Amino acid sequence: MDQWTNRLAPQLRALVELAACNGHMTQAAAALGVPQSSMSRRIHALEVELHVPLLIHDGRIVRLTAAAERLAQQVREPLRQLDLAIDDVTGEADPDQGTVRFGFPLTMGSGRVPDLLAEFRHHHPGIKVLLKQAHGSALSADLLAGDLDLAVVIPAPERLRHVRIGTQQIHVAVPDDHPLAALKHVRLADLKNETFIANPPSYNLRQLTETWCREAGYTPDIAFEVTEFATIRELVSRGLGIALLPHDERIPPGLSELPLTGSRYHRDITLAWGATTEAPSTRRLSSFLLHRLGSRDVPASTAYSRAGR
């Protein structure tokens, strides 16, 4: 193992950077701070060492072979973890520099999260934040796989360190001209004969919708499956059905949102950490978010859950 690490680490790093730059040798060399000739020598040395072709020459640009792409993907995170470990023990890590891979739900594309990210960027311009939006199970999977460093996840993720930072209330969305629109609250049992619009089965809110309706004594008639909440609201406003959705103050025209009678119709919002080593820049962002969201009283190191995704 040691002989592979000692001999191939610089070449593997060159391959990873070349893959990140889509085969642009000049850009990859600049990113590593080495001459382009050194980049070429490192990749060639790696091909000779492994006895595997890694590059396909296409004019001034090179393309990575399938084997090279696979190798770059598999060694990217171990090399990053090695850098973090060395920086940690040598005290070289700068908390105001670096990159944080941050995820958040599709339902939070406007409002509080973008505001907080803008404020963080203003205070810490040296930290690059790479953003990804997805539903809860996808964000949890990326955190576990090491593809994300930090994420706002709904609901609380399994097997990951997390802290509760808020609650998302679930309301009933109906068209403005629906008979229920004039009510202040709606019982879930009153929706038995309604047509529902919902997320696909893998989404947590779809699973909650089915569970809550089943407990109210019926199976919801789901006529449309849609991933995007904004699209669901558009379909509801056009009279194609009703939906259980996170409450949103910015209700589009033609739509009414009504609270459900009862106290259980909500989801916890959590801040969750990836399964890999927390870099100082990630710690900077997580501390900032916890401070702004007022959750410093909850010990993140002990906040775990076995709740479903």
C-alpha atoms as a PDB file:
ATOM      1  CA  MET A   1       0.000   0.000   0.000  1.00  0.00           C
ATOM      2  CA  ASP A   2       2.772   2.442   0.973  1.00  0.00           C
ATOM      3  CA  GLN A   3       4.636   1.930  -2.271  1.00  0.00           C
ATOM      4  CA  TRP A   4       1.519   2.721  -4.317  1.00  0.00           C
ATOM      5  CA  THR A   5       0.828   5.837  -2.252  1.00  0.00           C
ATOM      6  CA  ASN A   6       4.384   7.113  -2.463  1.00  0.00           C
ATOM      7  CA  ARG A   7       4.738   6.481  -6.175  1.00  0.00           C
ATOM      8  CA  LEU A   8       1.330   7.465  -7.484  1.00  0.00           C
ATOM      9  CA  ALA A   9      -0.065  10.253  -5.290  1.00  0.00           C
ATOM     10  CA  PRO A  10       1.159  13.150  -7.525  1.00  0.00           C
ATOM     11  CA  GLN A  11       0.021  11.357 -10.681  1.00  0.00           C
ATOM     12  CA  LEU A  12      -3.392  10.516  -9.221  1.00  0.00           C
ATOM     13  CA  ARG A  13      -3.869  14.108  -8.148  1.00  0.00           C
ATOM     14  CA  ALA A  14      -3.059  15.210 -11.700  1.00  0.00           C
ATOM     15  CA  LEU A  15      -5.635  12.770 -13.071  1.00  0.00           C
ATOM     16  CA  VAL A  16      -8.318  13.992 -10.668  1.00  0.00           C
ATOM     17  CA  GLU A  17      -7.693  17.618 -11.628  1.00  0.00           C
ATOM     18  CA  LEU A  18      -7.672  16.777 -15.336  1.00  0.00           C
ATOM     19  CA  ALA A  19     -11.062  15.074 -14.948  1.00  0.00           C
ATOM     20  CA  ALA A  20     -12.403  18.110 -13.073  1.00  0.00           C
ATOM     21  CA  CYS A  21     -11.244  20.356 -15.921  1.00  0.00           C
ATOM     22  CA  ASN A  22     -12.913  18.157 -18.579  1.00  0.00           C
ATOM     23  CA  GLY A  23      -9.639  17.239 -20.221  1.00  0.00           C
ATOM     24  CA  HIS A  24      -8.211  20.763 -20.510  1.00  0.00           C
ATOM     25  CA  MET A  25      -4.556  20.147 -19.718  1.00  0.00           C
ATOM     26  CA  THR A  26      -3.669  23.843 -19.416  1.00  0.00           C
ATOM     27  CA  GLN A  27      -6.474  24.518 -16.923  1.00  0.00           C
ATOM     28  CA  ALA A  28      -5.589  21.448 -14.871  1.00  0.00           C
ATOM     29  CA  ALA A  29      -1.921  22.456 -14.750  1.00  0.00           C
ATOM     30  CA  ALA A  30      -2.866  25.970 -13.620  1.00  0.00           C
ATOM     31  CA  ALA A  31      -5.117  24.560 -10.903  1.00  0.00           C
ATOM     32  CA  LEU A  32      -2.225  22.481  -9.548  1.00  0.00           C
ATOM     33  CA  GLY A  33       0.314  25.280  -9.991  1.00  0.00           C
ATOM     34  CA  VAL A  34       2.612  23.237 -12.230  1.00  0.00           C
ATOM     35  CA  PRO A  35       3.776  23.634 -15.851  1.00  0.00           C
ATOM     36  CA  GLN A  36       1.670  21.912 -18.496  1.00  0.00           C
ATOM     37  CA  SER A  37       4.646  19.720 -19.353  1.00  0.00           C
ATOM     38  CA  SER A  38       4.675  18.404 -15.787  1.00  0.00           C
ATOM     39  CA  MET A  39       0.978  17.560 -16.045  1.00  0.00           C
ATOM     40  CA  SER A  40       1.565  15.602 -19.234  1.00  0.00           C
ATOM     41  CA  ARG A  41       4.505  13.726 -17.698  1.00  0.00           C
ATOM     42  CA  ARG A  42       2.490  12.796 -14.610  1.00  0.00           C
ATOM     43  CA  ILE A  43      -0.399  11.397 -16.627  1.00  0.00           C
ATOM     44  CA  HIS A  44       1.977   9.506 -18.923  1.00  0.00           C
ATOM     45  CA  ALA A  45       3.858   8.102 -15.906  1.00  0.00           C
ATOM     46  CA  LEU A  46       0.561   6.919 -14.444  1.00  0.00           C
ATOM     47  CA  GLU A  47      -0.337   5.153 -17.698  1.00  0.00           C
ATOM     48  CA  VAL A  48       3.050   3.414 -17.722  1.00  0.00           C
ATOM     49  CA  GLU A  49       2.773   2.419 -14.054  1.00  0.00           C
ATOM     50  CA  LEU A  50      -0.747   1.033 -14.338  1.00  0.00           C
ATOM     51  CA  HIS A  51      -0.381  -0.391 -17.862  1.00  0.00           C
ATOM     52  CA  VAL A  52      -3.764   1.166 -18.663  1.00  0.00           C
ATOM     53  CA  PRO A  53      -4.526   3.818 -21.338  1.00  0.00           C
ATOM     54  CA  LEU A  54      -5.945   6.914 -19.650  1.00  0.00           C
ATOM     55  CA  LEU A  55      -6.212   9.538 -22.395  1.00  0.00           C
ATOM     56  CA  ILE A  56      -7.816   9.854 -25.814  1.00  0.00           C
ATOM     57  CA  HIS A  57      -6.271  12.714 -27.781  1.00  0.00           C
ATOM     58  CA  ASP A  58      -8.830  14.884 -29.567  1.00  0.00           C
ATOM     59  CA  GLY A  59      -7.102  17.879 -31.147  1.00  0.00           C
ATOM     60  CA  ARG A  60      -5.955  20.288 -28.429  1.00  0.00           C
ATOM     61  CA  ILE A  61      -8.191  18.657 -25.858  1.00  0.00           C
ATOM     62  CA  VAL A  62      -7.744  15.226 -24.355  1.00  0.00           C
ATOM     63  CA  ARG A  63     -10.568  13.008 -23.196  1.00  0.00           C
ATOM     64  CA  LEU A  64     -10.301  10.557 -20.351  1.00  0.00           C
ATOM     65  CA  THR A  65     -10.931   6.892 -21.061  1.00  0.00           C
ATOM     66  CA  ALA A  66     -13.682   5.119 -19.143  1.00  0.00           C
ATOM     67  CA  ALA A  67     -11.035   3.556 -16.882  1.00  0.00           C
ATOM     68  CA  ALA A  68      -9.497   6.975 -16.186  1.00  0.00           C
ATOM     69  CA  GLU A  69     -12.892   8.490 -15.337  1.00  0.00           C
ATOM     70  CA  ARG A  70     -13.624   5.626 -12.970  1.00  0.00           C
ATOM     71  CA  LEU A  71     -10.224   5.893 -11.278  1.00  0.00           C
ATOM     72  CA  ALA A  72     -10.490   9.686 -10.890  1.00  0.00           C
ATOM     73  CA  GLN A  73     -13.914   9.376  -9.302  1.00  0.00           C
ATOM     74  CA  GLN A  74     -12.767   6.724  -6.837  1.00  0.00           C
ATOM     75  CA  VAL A  75      -9.582   8.463  -5.657  1.00  0.00           C
ATOM     76  CA  ARG A  76     -10.914  12.035  -5.511  1.00  0.00           C
ATOM     77  CA  GLU A  77     -12.380  11.770  -1.999  1.00  0.00           C
ATOM     78  CA  PRO A  78      -9.471   9.770  -0.442  1.00  0.00           C
ATOM     79  CA  LEU A  79      -7.012  12.402  -1.695  1.00  0.00           C
ATOM     80  CA  ARG A  80      -9.200  15.151  -0.264  1.00  0.00           C
ATOM     81  CA  GLN A  81      -9.380  13.379   3.081  1.00  0.00           C
ATOM     82  CA  LEU A  82      -5.590  13.024   3.086  1.00  0.00           C
ATOM     83  CA  ASP A  83      -5.222  16.777   2.549  1.00  0.00           C
ATOM     84  CA  LEU A  84      -7.664  17.513   5.377  1.00  0.00           C
ATOM     85  CA  ALA A  85      -5.901  15.156   7.784  1.00  0.00           C
ATOM     86  CA  ILE A  86      -2.469  16.648   7.083  1.00  0.00           C
ATOM     87  CA  ASP A  87      -3.782  20.214   7.331  1.00  0.00           C
ATOM     88  CA  ASP A  88      -5.444  19.366  10.637  1.00  0.00           C
ATOM     89  CA  VAL A  89      -2.361  17.929  12.344  1.00  0.00           C
ATOM     90  CA  THR A  90      -0.008  20.579  10.980  1.00  0.00           C
ATOM     91  CA  GLY A  91      -2.335  23.492  11.735  1.00  0.00           C
ATOM     92  CA  GLU A  92      -2.133  24.622   8.121  1.00  0.00           C
ATOM     93  CA  ALA A  93      -5.855  24.662   7.384  1.00  0.00           C
ATOM     94  CA  ASP A  94      -7.299  28.133   6.861  1.00  0.00           C
ATOM     95  CA  PRO A  95     -10.964  28.237   7.953  1.00  0.00           C
ATOM     96  CA  ASP A  96     -11.593  31.226   5.689  1.00  0.00           C
ATOM     97  CA  GLN A  97     -10.418  29.451   2.547  1.00  0.00           C
ATOM     98  CA  GLY A  98     -11.595  26.310   0.839  1.00  0.00           C
ATOM     99  CA  THR A  99     -14.708  24.798  -0.689  1.00  0.00           C
ATOM    100  CA  VAL A 100     -17.894  23.559   0.985  1.00  0.00           C
ATOM    101  CA  ARG A 101     -20.275  21.272  -0.893  1.00  0.00           C
ATOM    102  CA  PHE A 102     -23.654  22.286   0.517  1.00  0.00           C
ATOM    103  CA  GLY A 103     -27.085  20.835  -0.196  1.00  0.00           C
ATOM    104  CA  PHE A 104     -30.590  21.979   0.629  1.00  0.00           C
ATOM    105  CA  PRO A 105     -34.169  20.928  -0.235  1.00  0.00           C
ATOM    106  CA  LEU A 106     -36.071  21.846  -3.345  1.00  0.00           C
ATOM    107  CA  THR A 107     -38.646  23.578  -1.129  1.00  0.00           C
ATOM    108  CA  MET A 108     -36.053  26.101   0.091  1.00  0.00           C
ATOM    109  CA  GLY A 109     -34.899  27.583  -3.196  1.00  0.00           C
ATOM    110  CA  SER A 110     -36.127  31.022  -2.160  1.00  0.00           C
ATOM    111  CA  GLY A 111     -36.275  32.896   1.104  1.00  0.00           C
ATOM    112  CA  ARG A 112     -34.263  32.081   4.211  1.00  0.00           C
ATOM    113  CA  VAL A 113     -31.542  29.748   2.869  1.00  0.00           C
ATOM    114  CA  PRO A 114     -30.477  31.975  -0.081  1.00  0.00           C
ATOM    115  CA  ASP A 115     -30.498  34.971   2.282  1.00  0.00           C
ATOM    116  CA  LEU A 116     -28.184  33.165   4.709  1.00  0.00           C
ATOM    117  CA  LEU A 117     -25.851  32.034   1.926  1.00  0.00           C
ATOM    118  CA  ALA A 118     -25.603  35.599   0.635  1.00  0.00           C
ATOM    119  CA  GLU A 119     -24.772  36.844   4.139  1.00  0.00           C
ATOM    120  CA  PHE A 120     -22.172  34.100   4.615  1.00  0.00           C
ATOM    121  CA  ARG A 121     -20.541  34.965   1.297  1.00  0.00           C
ATOM    122  CA  HIS A 122     -20.350  38.620   2.345  1.00  0.00           C
ATOM    123  CA  HIS A 123     -18.536  37.731   5.585  1.00  0.00           C
ATOM    124  CA  HIS A 124     -16.365  34.928   4.162  1.00  0.00           C
ATOM    125  CA  PRO A 125     -15.577  35.704   0.494  1.00  0.00           C
ATOM    126  CA  GLY A 126     -12.650  33.275   0.482  1.00  0.00           C
ATOM    127  CA  ILE A 127     -14.887  30.235   0.929  1.00  0.00           C
ATOM    128  CA  LYS A 128     -16.476  28.802  -2.209  1.00  0.00           C
ATOM    129  CA  VAL A 129     -19.863  27.154  -1.612  1.00  0.00           C
ATOM    130  CA  LEU A 130     -20.947  24.612  -4.222  1.00  0.00           C
ATOM    131  CA  LEU A 131     -24.721  24.173  -4.082  1.00  0.00           C
ATOM    132  CA  LYS A 132     -26.966  21.217  -4.802  1.00  0.00           C
ATOM    133  CA  GLN A 133     -30.745  21.018  -4.457  1.00  0.00           C
ATOM    134  CA  ALA A 134     -32.514  17.667  -4.104  1.00  0.00           C
ATOM    135  CA  HIS A 135     -35.113  15.908  -2.012  1.00  0.00           C
ATOM    136  CA  GLY A 136     -34.262  14.535   1.434  1.00  0.00           C
ATOM    137  CA  SER A 137     -33.254  10.956   0.611  1.00  0.00           C
ATOM    138  CA  ALA A 138     -30.961  12.123  -2.208  1.00  0.00           C
ATOM    139  CA  LEU A 139     -29.234  14.664   0.058  1.00  0.00           C
ATOM    140  CA  SER A 140     -28.770  12.020   2.770  1.00  0.00           C
ATOM    141  CA  ALA A 141     -27.270   9.609   0.236  1.00  0.00           C
ATOM    142  CA  ASP A 142     -24.826  12.269  -0.978  1.00  0.00           C
ATOM    143  CA  LEU A 143     -23.779  13.051   2.610  1.00  0.00           C
ATOM    144  CA  LEU A 144     -23.186   9.363   3.327  1.00  0.00           C
ATOM    145  CA  ALA A 145     -21.247   8.909   0.078  1.00  0.00           C
ATOM    146  CA  GLY A 146     -19.007  11.904   0.794  1.00  0.00           C
ATOM    147  CA  ASP A 147     -20.382  13.900  -2.160  1.00  0.00           C
ATOM    148  CA  LEU A 148     -21.704  16.632   0.163  1.00  0.00           C
ATOM    149  CA  ASP A 149     -20.059  18.146   3.242  1.00  0.00           C
ATOM    150  CA  LEU A 150     -23.126  19.759   4.805  1.00  0.00           C
ATOM    151  CA  ALA A 151     -26.835  19.925   4.023  1.00  0.00           C
ATOM    152  CA  VAL A 152     -30.211  21.086   5.234  1.00  0.00           C
ATOM    153  CA  VAL A 153     -32.216  17.862   5.191  1.00  0.00           C
ATOM    154  CA  ILE A 154     -35.923  17.120   5.661  1.00  0.00           C
ATOM    155  CA  PRO A 155     -36.588  14.839   7.522  1.00  0.00           C
ATOM    156  CA  ALA A 156     -33.748  13.967   9.908  1.00  0.00           C
ATOM    157  CA  PRO A 157     -31.289  11.642   8.093  1.00  0.00           C
ATOM    158  CA  GLU A 158     -30.336   8.186   9.285  1.00  0.00           C
ATOM    159  CA  ARG A 159     -26.822   7.423  10.529  1.00  0.00           C
ATOM    160  CA  LEU A 160     -25.641  11.012  10.178  1.00  0.00           C
ATOM    161  CA  ARG A 161     -24.780  13.653  12.744  1.00  0.00           C
ATOM    162  CA  HIS A 162     -27.477  16.318  12.617  1.00  0.00           C
ATOM    163  CA  VAL A 163     -29.248  19.020  14.594  1.00  0.00           C
ATOM    164  CA  ARG A 164     -32.839  20.209  14.380  1.00  0.00           C
ATOM    165  CA  ILE A 165     -32.970  23.809  13.152  1.00  0.00           C
ATOM    166  CA  GLY A 166     -36.685  24.311  12.570  1.00  0.00           C
ATOM    167  CA  THR A 167     -40.084  22.915  11.643  1.00  0.00           C
ATOM    168  CA  GLN A 168     -41.879  22.874   8.309  1.00  0.00           C
ATOM    169  CA  GLN A 169     -45.668  23.020   8.623  1.00  0.00           C
ATOM    170  CA  ILE A 170     -47.714  21.000   6.132  1.00  0.00           C
ATOM    171  CA  HIS A 171     -50.906  22.611   4.809  1.00  0.00           C
ATOM    172  CA  VAL A 172     -53.593  21.684   2.299  1.00  0.00           C
ATOM    173  CA  ALA A 173     -53.337  23.531  -1.022  1.00  0.00           C
ATOM    174  CA  VAL A 174     -56.675  23.955  -2.826  1.00  0.00           C
ATOM    175  CA  PRO A 175     -57.904  26.119  -5.716  1.00  0.00           C
ATOM    176  CA  ASP A 176     -59.367  29.470  -4.700  1.00  0.00           C
ATOM    177  CA  ASP A 177     -62.833  28.422  -5.885  1.00  0.00           C
ATOM    178  CA  HIS A 178     -62.805  25.130  -3.952  1.00  0.00           C
ATOM    179  CA  PRO A 179     -65.578  24.779  -1.312  1.00  0.00           C
ATOM    180  CA  LEU A 180     -62.910  24.216   1.373  1.00  0.00           C
ATOM    181  CA  ALA A 181     -61.112  27.478   0.551  1.00  0.00           C
ATOM    182  CA  ALA A 182     -63.431  29.475   2.812  1.00  0.00           C
ATOM    183  CA  LEU A 183     -62.513  27.425   5.909  1.00  0.00           C
ATOM    184  CA  LYS A 184     -59.853  28.374   8.457  1.00  0.00           C
ATOM    185  CA  HIS A 185     -58.818  24.763   9.116  1.00  0.00           C
ATOM    186  CA  VAL A 186     -59.368  21.446   7.378  1.00  0.00           C
ATOM    187  CA  ARG A 187     -59.616  17.954   8.823  1.00  0.00           C
ATOM    188  CA  LEU A 188     -57.694  15.346   6.853  1.00  0.00           C
ATOM    189  CA  ALA A 189     -60.800  13.118   6.924  1.00  0.00           C
ATOM    190  CA  ASP A 190     -62.655  15.809   4.951  1.00  0.00           C
ATOM    191  CA  LEU A 191     -60.346  15.193   1.981  1.00  0.00           C
ATOM    192  CA  LYS A 192     -61.382  11.568   1.520  1.00  0.00           C
ATOM    193  CA  ASN A 193     -63.168  12.137  -1.804  1.00  0.00           C
ATOM    194  CA  GLU A 194     -60.627  14.587  -3.222  1.00  0.00           C
ATOM    195  CA  THR A 195     -58.153  14.002  -6.059  1.00  0.00           C
ATOM    196  CA  PHE A 196     -54.570  14.422  -4.832  1.00  0.00           C
ATOM    197  CA  ILE A 197     -51.447  15.676  -6.563  1.00  0.00           C
ATOM    198  CA  ALA A 198     -48.283  14.404  -4.875  1.00  0.00           C
ATOM    199  CA  ASN A 199     -44.569  13.696  -5.200  1.00  0.00           C
ATOM    200  CA  PRO A 200     -43.273  10.323  -6.435  1.00  0.00           C
ATOM    201  CA  PRO A 201     -43.331   7.442  -3.888  1.00  0.00           C
ATOM    202  CA  SER A 202     -39.651   7.853  -2.914  1.00  0.00           C
ATOM    203  CA  TYR A 203     -40.293  11.356  -1.510  1.00  0.00           C
ATOM    204  CA  ASN A 204     -40.824  11.740   2.224  1.00  0.00           C
ATOM    205  CA  LEU A 205     -43.851  14.012   1.832  1.00  0.00           C
ATOM    206  CA  ARG A 206     -45.561  11.447  -0.428  1.00  0.00           C
ATOM    207  CA  GLN A 207     -44.994   8.789   2.211  1.00  0.00           C
ATOM    208  CA  LEU A 208     -46.369  11.085   4.922  1.00  0.00           C
ATOM    209  CA  THR A 209     -49.393  11.934   2.767  1.00  0.00           C
ATOM    210  CA  GLU A 210     -50.245   8.255   2.359  1.00  0.00           C
ATOM    211  CA  THR A 211     -49.604   7.489   6.039  1.00  0.00           C
ATOM    212  CA  TRP A 212     -51.693  10.373   7.364  1.00  0.00           C
ATOM    213  CA  CYS A 213     -54.573   9.656   4.975  1.00  0.00           C
ATOM    214  CA  ARG A 214     -54.500   5.968   5.866  1.00  0.00           C
ATOM    215  CA  GLU A 215     -54.702   6.879   9.545  1.00  0.00           C
ATOM    216  CA  ALA A 216     -57.697   9.100   8.689  1.00  0.00           C
ATOM    217  CA  GLY A 217     -59.416   6.054   7.218  1.00  0.00           C
ATOM    218  CA  TYR A 218     -58.783   6.127   3.476  1.00  0.00           C
ATOM    219  CA  THR A 219     -56.232   5.764   0.675  1.00  0.00           C
ATOM    220  CA  PRO A 220     -55.649   9.038  -1.211  1.00  0.00           C
ATOM    221  CA  ASP A 221     -56.585   9.090  -4.888  1.00  0.00           C
ATOM    222  CA  ILE A 222     -53.323  10.354  -6.404  1.00  0.00           C
ATOM    223  CA  ALA A 223     -53.881  11.339 -10.030  1.00  0.00           C
ATOM    224  CA  PHE A 224     -50.595  13.177 -10.698  1.00  0.00           C
ATOM    225  CA  GLU A 225     -47.034  12.548  -9.500  1.00  0.00           C
ATOM    226  CA  VAL A 226     -44.757  15.590  -9.722  1.00  0.00           C
ATOM    227  CA  THR A 227     -41.266  16.198  -8.295  1.00  0.00           C
ATOM    228  CA  GLU A 228     -41.383  20.002  -8.102  1.00  0.00           C
ATOM    229  CA  PHE A 229     -43.569  21.673  -5.463  1.00  0.00           C
ATOM    230  CA  ALA A 230     -43.936  24.789  -7.630  1.00  0.00           C
ATOM    231  CA  THR A 231     -45.417  22.664 -10.414  1.00  0.00           C
ATOM    232  CA  ILE A 232     -47.786  20.982  -7.960  1.00  0.00           C
ATOM    233  CA  ARG A 233     -49.049  24.409  -6.883  1.00  0.00           C
ATOM    234  CA  GLU A 234     -49.589  25.397 -10.514  1.00  0.00           C
ATOM    235  CA  LEU A 235     -51.649  22.241 -11.149  1.00  0.00           C
ATOM    236  CA  VAL A 236     -53.683  22.792  -7.984  1.00  0.00           C
ATOM    237  CA  SER A 237     -54.446  26.384  -8.970  1.00  0.00           C
ATOM    238  CA  ARG A 238     -55.824  25.060 -12.269  1.00  0.00           C
ATOM    239  CA  GLY A 239     -58.287  22.808 -10.481  1.00  0.00           C
ATOM    240  CA  LEU A 240     -56.593  19.476 -11.212  1.00  0.00           C
ATOM    241  CA  GLY A 241     -56.565  18.393  -7.568  1.00  0.00           C
ATOM    242  CA  ILE A 242     -55.429  19.259  -4.062  1.00  0.00           C
ATOM    243  CA  ALA A 243     -52.109  18.628  -2.329  1.00  0.00           C
ATOM    244  CA  LEU A 244     -50.428  18.446   1.058  1.00  0.00           C
ATOM    245  CA  LEU A 245     -47.507  20.858   0.781  1.00  0.00           C
ATOM    246  CA  PRO A 246     -45.052  22.781   2.980  1.00  0.00           C
ATOM    247  CA  HIS A 247     -46.553  26.117   3.940  1.00  0.00           C
ATOM    248  CA  ASP A 248     -45.266  28.975   1.794  1.00  0.00           C
ATOM    249  CA  GLU A 249     -45.972  32.657   2.467  1.00  0.00           C
ATOM    250  CA  ARG A 250     -45.626  33.405  -1.253  1.00  0.00           C
ATOM    251  CA  ILE A 251     -48.847  31.727  -2.412  1.00  0.00           C
ATOM    252  CA  PRO A 252     -49.364  32.026  -6.203  1.00  0.00           C
ATOM    253  CA  PRO A 253     -52.620  33.420  -7.620  1.00  0.00           C
ATOM    254  CA  GLY A 254     -55.557  31.028  -7.736  1.00  0.00           C
ATOM    255  CA  LEU A 255     -54.399  29.040  -4.709  1.00  0.00           C
ATOM    256  CA  SER A 256     -55.323  28.864  -1.024  1.00  0.00           C
ATOM    257  CA  GLU A 257     -53.376  27.108   1.738  1.00  0.00           C
ATOM    258  CA  LEU A 258     -55.259  25.851   4.794  1.00  0.00           C
ATOM    259  CA  PRO A 259     -53.799  24.473   8.034  1.00  0.00           C
ATOM    260  CA  LEU A 260     -54.718  20.908   8.973  1.00  0.00           C
ATOM    261  CA  THR A 261     -56.574  20.323  12.223  1.00  0.00           C
ATOM    262  CA  GLY A 262     -54.154  18.666  14.647  1.00  0.00           C
ATOM    263  CA  SER A 263     -50.598  19.191  15.830  1.00  0.00           C
ATOM    264  CA  ARG A 264     -48.727  16.421  14.030  1.00  0.00           C
ATOM    265  CA  TYR A 265     -48.722  17.689  10.449  1.00  0.00           C
ATOM    266  CA  HIS A 266     -45.190  19.003  10.220  1.00  0.00           C
ATOM    267  CA  ARG A 267     -41.642  17.909   9.391  1.00  0.00           C
ATOM    268  CA  ASP A 268     -38.395  18.639  11.230  1.00  0.00           C
ATOM    269  CA  ILE A 269     -35.777  20.660   9.367  1.00  0.00           C
ATOM    270  CA  THR A 270     -32.251  19.500  10.207  1.00  0.00           C
ATOM    271  CA  LEU A 271     -28.693  20.538   9.470  1.00  0.00           C
ATOM    272  CA  ALA A 272     -26.675  17.388   8.750  1.00  0.00           C
ATOM    273  CA  TRP A 273     -22.960  16.705   8.332  1.00  0.00           C
ATOM    274  CA  GLY A 274     -21.326  14.369   5.837  1.00  0.00           C
ATOM    275  CA  ALA A 275     -19.750  11.098   6.857  1.00  0.00           C
ATOM    276  CA  THR A 276     -16.232  12.345   6.071  1.00  0.00           C
ATOM    277  CA  THR A 277     -13.880  14.580   8.046  1.00  0.00           C
ATOM    278  CA  GLU A 278     -15.240  18.086   8.631  1.00  0.00           C
ATOM    279  CA  ALA A 279     -12.960  20.652   7.038  1.00  0.00           C
ATOM    280  CA  PRO A 280     -12.427  24.019   8.777  1.00  0.00           C
ATOM    281  CA  SER A 281     -14.331  25.828   6.007  1.00  0.00           C
ATOM    282  CA  THR A 282     -17.282  23.465   6.497  1.00  0.00           C
ATOM    283  CA  ARG A 283     -17.131  24.077  10.235  1.00  0.00           C
ATOM    284  CA  ARG A 284     -17.186  27.810   9.504  1.00  0.00           C
ATOM    285  CA  LEU A 285     -20.404  27.491   7.468  1.00  0.00           C
ATOM    286  CA  SER A 286     -22.132  25.113   9.898  1.00  0.00           C
ATOM    287  CA  SER A 287     -21.333  27.385  12.861  1.00  0.00           C
ATOM    288  CA  PHE A 288     -22.636  30.388  10.939  1.00  0.00           C
ATOM    289  CA  LEU A 289     -25.912  28.639  10.065  1.00  0.00           C
ATOM    290  CA  LEU A 290     -26.469  27.362  13.603  1.00  0.00           C
ATOM    291  CA  HIS A 291     -25.794  30.814  15.011  1.00  0.00           C
ATOM    292  CA  ARG A 292     -28.207  32.536  12.605  1.00  0.00           C
ATOM    293  CA  LEU A 293     -30.893  29.885  13.028  1.00  0.00           C
ATOM    294  CA  GLY A 294     -30.692  29.938  16.813  1.00  0.00           C
ATOM    295  CA  SER A 295     -29.953  26.242  17.341  1.00  0.00           C
ATOM    296  CA  ARG A 296     -26.765  26.516  19.342  1.00  0.00           C
ATOM    297  CA  ASP A 297     -28.491  24.958  22.372  1.00  0.00           C
ATOM    298  CA  VAL A 298     -28.823  21.593  20.600  1.00  0.00           C
ATOM    299  CA  PRO A 299     -25.608  19.510  20.755  1.00  0.00           C
ATOM    300  CA  ALA A 300     -25.045  18.472  17.148  1.00  0.00           C
ATOM    301  CA  SER A 301     -22.671  15.719  18.222  1.00  0.00           C
ATOM    302  CA  THR A 302     -25.493  13.838  19.954  1.00  0.00           C
ATOM    303  CA  ALA A 303     -28.427  14.615  17.655  1.00  0.00           C
ATOM    304  CA  TYR A 304     -29.097  11.340  15.845  1.00  0.00           C
ATOM    305  CA  SER A 305     -32.318   9.800  14.559  1.00  0.00           C
ATOM    306  CA  ARG A 306     -33.654   6.542  13.199  1.00  0.00           C
ATOM    307  CA  ALA A 307     -36.482   8.277  11.402  1.00  0.00           C
ATOM    308  CA  GLY A 308     -37.252   7.241   7.829  1.00  0.00           C
ATOM    309  CA  ARG A 309     -36.221   9.369   4.911  1.00  0.00           C
END
